[in-house]
Amino acid sequence: MGQEEISNIRVVYAELPPFVEILNASDSGNPGGFMAAILKTIMKWMTLNATWIREPEDKYGTWENNTWTGMCGMLFREEVDVILNPLLPSAEYAEVAYYTNPVIYEAFTFLSGKKKQDAGLFLYFSVLEPTVSAKSIIHFKTVMRY
């Protein structure tokens, strides 16, 4: 049994900005986003071609009525070779697919503005309890007096 050479990969995707973006509604075979950019770079390096297939309802898939739906269903039925979208590892999906090592670690947060404070002698004391700050200032004045 020899190994067959793979030259074309069938990749399924669903819209999920910024990971996977639809660049042009009329060109569903060319997704954007950084997951697509990463896979396109790897495929170019490995001299592979891709057939890009968009999941019609942009669904990841669930186990329903003894079958898989969505992208996982397409992978399970061997209609595609790779799911482009990021999937969080779960026992349910692990029955259908192999996970690669993570390609990104994400930490999404909300950002809010910070109140600006002028740096000054007493900024250091602002993080302390008021009684500690007062005692420290009194001690500092006492030491400086002598």
C-alpha atoms as a PDB file:
ATOM      1  CA  MET A   1       0.000   0.000   0.000  1.00  0.00           C
ATOM      2  CA  GLY A   2       1.645   3.210  -1.170  1.00  0.00           C
ATOM      3  CA  GLN A   3       0.690   6.641  -0.031  1.00  0.00           C
ATOM      4  CA  GLU A   4      -1.120   8.747  -2.573  1.00  0.00           C
ATOM      5  CA  GLU A   5       0.153  12.254  -3.146  1.00  0.00           C
ATOM      6  CA  ILE A   6      -2.234  14.977  -2.084  1.00  0.00           C
ATOM      7  CA  SER A   7      -2.311  18.071  -4.270  1.00  0.00           C
ATOM      8  CA  ASN A   8      -5.766  19.507  -3.624  1.00  0.00           C
ATOM      9  CA  ILE A   9      -7.451  20.137  -0.277  1.00  0.00           C
ATOM     10  CA  ARG A  10     -11.194  20.733   0.057  1.00  0.00           C
ATOM     11  CA  VAL A  11     -11.700  23.433   2.692  1.00  0.00           C
ATOM     12  CA  VAL A  12     -15.078  24.311   4.194  1.00  0.00           C
ATOM     13  CA  TYR A  13     -15.684  27.597   5.967  1.00  0.00           C
ATOM     14  CA  ALA A  14     -18.380  29.754   7.523  1.00  0.00           C
ATOM     15  CA  GLU A  15     -18.332  33.506   7.984  1.00  0.00           C
ATOM     16  CA  LEU A  16     -16.893  34.465  11.368  1.00  0.00           C
ATOM     17  CA  PRO A  17     -15.041  37.814  11.290  1.00  0.00           C
ATOM     18  CA  PRO A  18     -12.194  38.451  11.916  1.00  0.00           C
ATOM     19  CA  PHE A  19     -11.228  34.767  11.644  1.00  0.00           C
ATOM     20  CA  VAL A  20     -13.007  34.064   8.352  1.00  0.00           C
ATOM     21  CA  GLU A  21     -14.476  36.873   6.264  1.00  0.00           C
ATOM     22  CA  ILE A  22     -16.464  36.901   3.050  1.00  0.00           C
ATOM     23  CA  LEU A  23     -14.573  39.342   0.841  1.00  0.00           C
ATOM     24  CA  ASN A  24     -16.992  39.369  -2.062  1.00  0.00           C
ATOM     25  CA  ALA A  25     -20.475  37.829  -1.972  1.00  0.00           C
ATOM     26  CA  SER A  26     -20.202  36.790  -5.631  1.00  0.00           C
ATOM     27  CA  ASP A  27     -16.834  35.066  -5.042  1.00  0.00           C
ATOM     28  CA  SER A  28     -17.546  32.519  -2.322  1.00  0.00           C
ATOM     29  CA  GLY A  29     -14.412  30.582  -3.245  1.00  0.00           C
ATOM     30  CA  ASN A  30     -12.008  33.118  -1.797  1.00  0.00           C
ATOM     31  CA  PRO A  31     -12.466  33.758   1.927  1.00  0.00           C
ATOM     32  CA  GLY A  32     -10.534  36.401   3.821  1.00  0.00           C
ATOM     33  CA  GLY A  33      -9.685  36.821   7.474  1.00  0.00           C
ATOM     34  CA  PHE A  34      -6.581  35.748   9.300  1.00  0.00           C
ATOM     35  CA  MET A  35      -7.401  32.021   9.509  1.00  0.00           C
ATOM     36  CA  ALA A  36      -7.732  31.983   5.713  1.00  0.00           C
ATOM     37  CA  ALA A  37      -4.474  33.931   5.370  1.00  0.00           C
ATOM     38  CA  ILE A  38      -2.653  31.431   7.590  1.00  0.00           C
ATOM     39  CA  LEU A  39      -3.985  28.413   5.676  1.00  0.00           C
ATOM     40  CA  LYS A  40      -3.298  30.025   2.283  1.00  0.00           C
ATOM     41  CA  THR A  41       0.309  30.678   3.346  1.00  0.00           C
ATOM     42  CA  ILE A  42       0.777  27.084   4.527  1.00  0.00           C
ATOM     43  CA  MET A  43      -0.760  25.707   1.340  1.00  0.00           C
ATOM     44  CA  LYS A  44       1.463  27.887  -0.835  1.00  0.00           C
ATOM     45  CA  TRP A  45       4.523  26.721   1.109  1.00  0.00           C
ATOM     46  CA  MET A  46       3.448  23.083   0.652  1.00  0.00           C
ATOM     47  CA  THR A  47       2.505  23.660  -3.029  1.00  0.00           C
ATOM     48  CA  LEU A  48      -1.077  22.552  -2.460  1.00  0.00           C
ATOM     49  CA  ASN A  49      -4.234  23.810  -4.128  1.00  0.00           C
ATOM     50  CA  ALA A  50      -7.489  24.494  -2.343  1.00  0.00           C
ATOM     51  CA  THR A  51     -11.110  24.138  -3.251  1.00  0.00           C
ATOM     52  CA  TRP A  52     -12.953  26.579  -0.977  1.00  0.00           C
ATOM     53  CA  ILE A  53     -16.507  25.591  -0.049  1.00  0.00           C
ATOM     54  CA  ARG A  54     -18.735  27.848   2.022  1.00  0.00           C
ATOM     55  CA  GLU A  55     -21.176  26.098   4.362  1.00  0.00           C
ATOM     56  CA  PRO A  56     -24.542  27.379   3.050  1.00  0.00           C
ATOM     57  CA  GLU A  57     -25.954  28.306   6.474  1.00  0.00           C
ATOM     58  CA  ASP A  58     -22.633  29.245   8.130  1.00  0.00           C
ATOM     59  CA  LYS A  59     -23.162  26.524  10.755  1.00  0.00           C
ATOM     60  CA  TYR A  60     -20.488  24.614  12.604  1.00  0.00           C
ATOM     61  CA  GLY A  61     -22.690  21.580  13.035  1.00  0.00           C
ATOM     62  CA  THR A  62     -24.344  19.511  15.702  1.00  0.00           C
ATOM     63  CA  TRP A  63     -25.322  15.896  16.176  1.00  0.00           C
ATOM     64  CA  GLU A  64     -29.010  15.695  15.210  1.00  0.00           C
ATOM     65  CA  ASN A  65     -31.160  12.694  14.274  1.00  0.00           C
ATOM     66  CA  ASN A  66     -28.155  10.335  14.263  1.00  0.00           C
ATOM     67  CA  THR A  67     -26.141  12.455  11.842  1.00  0.00           C
ATOM     68  CA  TRP A  68     -23.909  15.521  11.800  1.00  0.00           C
ATOM     69  CA  THR A  69     -25.033  18.838  10.327  1.00  0.00           C
ATOM     70  CA  GLY A  70     -23.076  21.886   9.132  1.00  0.00           C
ATOM     71  CA  MET A  71     -19.326  21.891   8.556  1.00  0.00           C
ATOM     72  CA  CYS A  72     -18.795  18.908  10.873  1.00  0.00           C
ATOM     73  CA  GLY A  73     -21.333  16.970   8.815  1.00  0.00           C
ATOM     74  CA  MET A  74     -19.438  17.774   5.635  1.00  0.00           C
ATOM     75  CA  LEU A  75     -16.210  16.577   7.257  1.00  0.00           C
ATOM     76  CA  PHE A  76     -17.902  13.451   8.644  1.00  0.00           C
ATOM     77  CA  ARG A  77     -19.339  12.574   5.194  1.00  0.00           C
ATOM     78  CA  GLU A  78     -15.877  13.195   3.657  1.00  0.00           C
ATOM     79  CA  GLU A  79     -17.190  15.994   1.439  1.00  0.00           C
ATOM     80  CA  VAL A  80     -14.307  18.177   2.688  1.00  0.00           C
ATOM     81  CA  ASP A  81     -10.837  17.614   4.134  1.00  0.00           C
ATOM     82  CA  VAL A  82     -10.424  20.624   6.432  1.00  0.00           C
ATOM     83  CA  ILE A  83     -12.618  22.990   8.448  1.00  0.00           C
ATOM     84  CA  LEU A  84     -11.124  26.474   8.281  1.00  0.00           C
ATOM     85  CA  ASN A  85     -13.015  28.028  11.183  1.00  0.00           C
ATOM     86  CA  PRO A  86     -11.639  27.801  14.703  1.00  0.00           C
ATOM     87  CA  LEU A  87     -13.398  25.155  16.786  1.00  0.00           C
ATOM     88  CA  LEU A  88     -12.939  24.903  20.517  1.00  0.00           C
ATOM     89  CA  PRO A  89     -11.814  21.386  21.401  1.00  0.00           C
ATOM     90  CA  SER A  90     -14.646  19.233  22.691  1.00  0.00           C
ATOM     91  CA  ALA A  91     -15.242  15.515  23.061  1.00  0.00           C
ATOM     92  CA  GLU A  92     -18.184  15.820  20.656  1.00  0.00           C
ATOM     93  CA  TYR A  93     -16.109  17.285  17.798  1.00  0.00           C
ATOM     94  CA  ALA A  94     -13.134  15.026  18.586  1.00  0.00           C
ATOM     95  CA  GLU A  95     -15.264  12.065  17.470  1.00  0.00           C
ATOM     96  CA  VAL A  96     -15.377  13.597  13.986  1.00  0.00           C
ATOM     97  CA  ALA A  97     -12.086  15.448  13.548  1.00  0.00           C
ATOM     98  CA  TYR A  98      -8.442  15.672  14.531  1.00  0.00           C
ATOM     99  CA  TYR A  99      -7.344  18.964  16.044  1.00  0.00           C
ATOM    100  CA  THR A 100      -4.086  20.623  15.051  1.00  0.00           C
ATOM    101  CA  ASN A 101      -1.952  22.431  17.564  1.00  0.00           C
ATOM    102  CA  PRO A 102      -3.379  25.904  18.201  1.00  0.00           C
ATOM    103  CA  VAL A 103      -2.393  28.467  15.586  1.00  0.00           C
ATOM    104  CA  ILE A 104      -3.381  31.420  17.784  1.00  0.00           C
ATOM    105  CA  TYR A 105      -4.083  32.133  21.393  1.00  0.00           C
ATOM    106  CA  GLU A 106      -6.759  34.740  21.766  1.00  0.00           C
ATOM    107  CA  ALA A 107      -7.672  36.916  24.677  1.00  0.00           C
ATOM    108  CA  PHE A 108     -10.670  39.028  23.819  1.00  0.00           C
ATOM    109  CA  THR A 109     -11.445  41.836  26.237  1.00  0.00           C
ATOM    110  CA  PHE A 110     -13.417  45.044  26.372  1.00  0.00           C
ATOM    111  CA  LEU A 111     -11.342  48.188  26.695  1.00  0.00           C
ATOM    112  CA  SER A 112     -12.342  51.336  28.502  1.00  0.00           C
ATOM    113  CA  GLY A 113     -10.670  54.681  28.920  1.00  0.00           C
ATOM    114  CA  LYS A 114      -8.417  55.280  31.863  1.00  0.00           C
ATOM    115  CA  LYS A 115      -8.538  58.348  34.027  1.00  0.00           C
ATOM    116  CA  LYS A 116      -5.236  60.131  33.577  1.00  0.00           C
ATOM    117  CA  GLN A 117      -3.319  60.962  36.713  1.00  0.00           C
ATOM    118  CA  ASP A 118      -0.419  63.339  36.925  1.00  0.00           C
ATOM    119  CA  ALA A 119       2.610  61.642  38.350  1.00  0.00           C
ATOM    120  CA  GLY A 120       3.555  63.271  41.583  1.00  0.00           C
ATOM    121  CA  LEU A 121       4.979  62.587  44.988  1.00  0.00           C
ATOM    122  CA  PHE A 122       1.648  61.431  46.382  1.00  0.00           C
ATOM    123  CA  LEU A 123       0.688  59.154  43.429  1.00  0.00           C
ATOM    124  CA  TYR A 124       2.667  56.386  45.128  1.00  0.00           C
ATOM    125  CA  PHE A 125       0.513  56.685  48.235  1.00  0.00           C
ATOM    126  CA  SER A 126      -2.780  56.587  46.288  1.00  0.00           C
ATOM    127  CA  VAL A 127      -2.686  52.782  46.100  1.00  0.00           C
ATOM    128  CA  LEU A 128      -2.430  52.412  49.868  1.00  0.00           C
ATOM    129  CA  GLU A 129      -5.196  52.496  52.434  1.00  0.00           C
ATOM    130  CA  PRO A 130      -5.777  56.080  53.676  1.00  0.00           C
ATOM    131  CA  THR A 131      -4.500  55.283  57.177  1.00  0.00           C
ATOM    132  CA  VAL A 132      -1.308  53.732  55.791  1.00  0.00           C
ATOM    133  CA  SER A 133      -0.794  56.718  53.488  1.00  0.00           C
ATOM    134  CA  ALA A 134      -1.296  59.183  56.365  1.00  0.00           C
ATOM    135  CA  LYS A 135       1.090  57.313  58.662  1.00  0.00           C
ATOM    136  CA  SER A 136       3.702  57.086  55.904  1.00  0.00           C
ATOM    137  CA  ILE A 137       3.495  60.833  55.224  1.00  0.00           C
ATOM    138  CA  ILE A 138       3.740  61.665  58.945  1.00  0.00           C
ATOM    139  CA  HIS A 139       6.723  59.330  59.278  1.00  0.00           C
ATOM    140  CA  PHE A 140       8.343  60.883  56.202  1.00  0.00           C
ATOM    141  CA  LYS A 141       7.889  64.417  57.612  1.00  0.00           C
ATOM    142  CA  THR A 142       9.212  63.330  61.011  1.00  0.00           C
ATOM    143  CA  VAL A 143      12.318  61.751  59.488  1.00  0.00           C
ATOM    144  CA  MET A 144      12.939  64.772  57.251  1.00  0.00           C
ATOM    145  CA  ARG A 145      12.656  67.138  60.209  1.00  0.00           C
ATOM    146  CA  TYR A 146      15.590  65.488  62.043  1.00  0.00           C
END
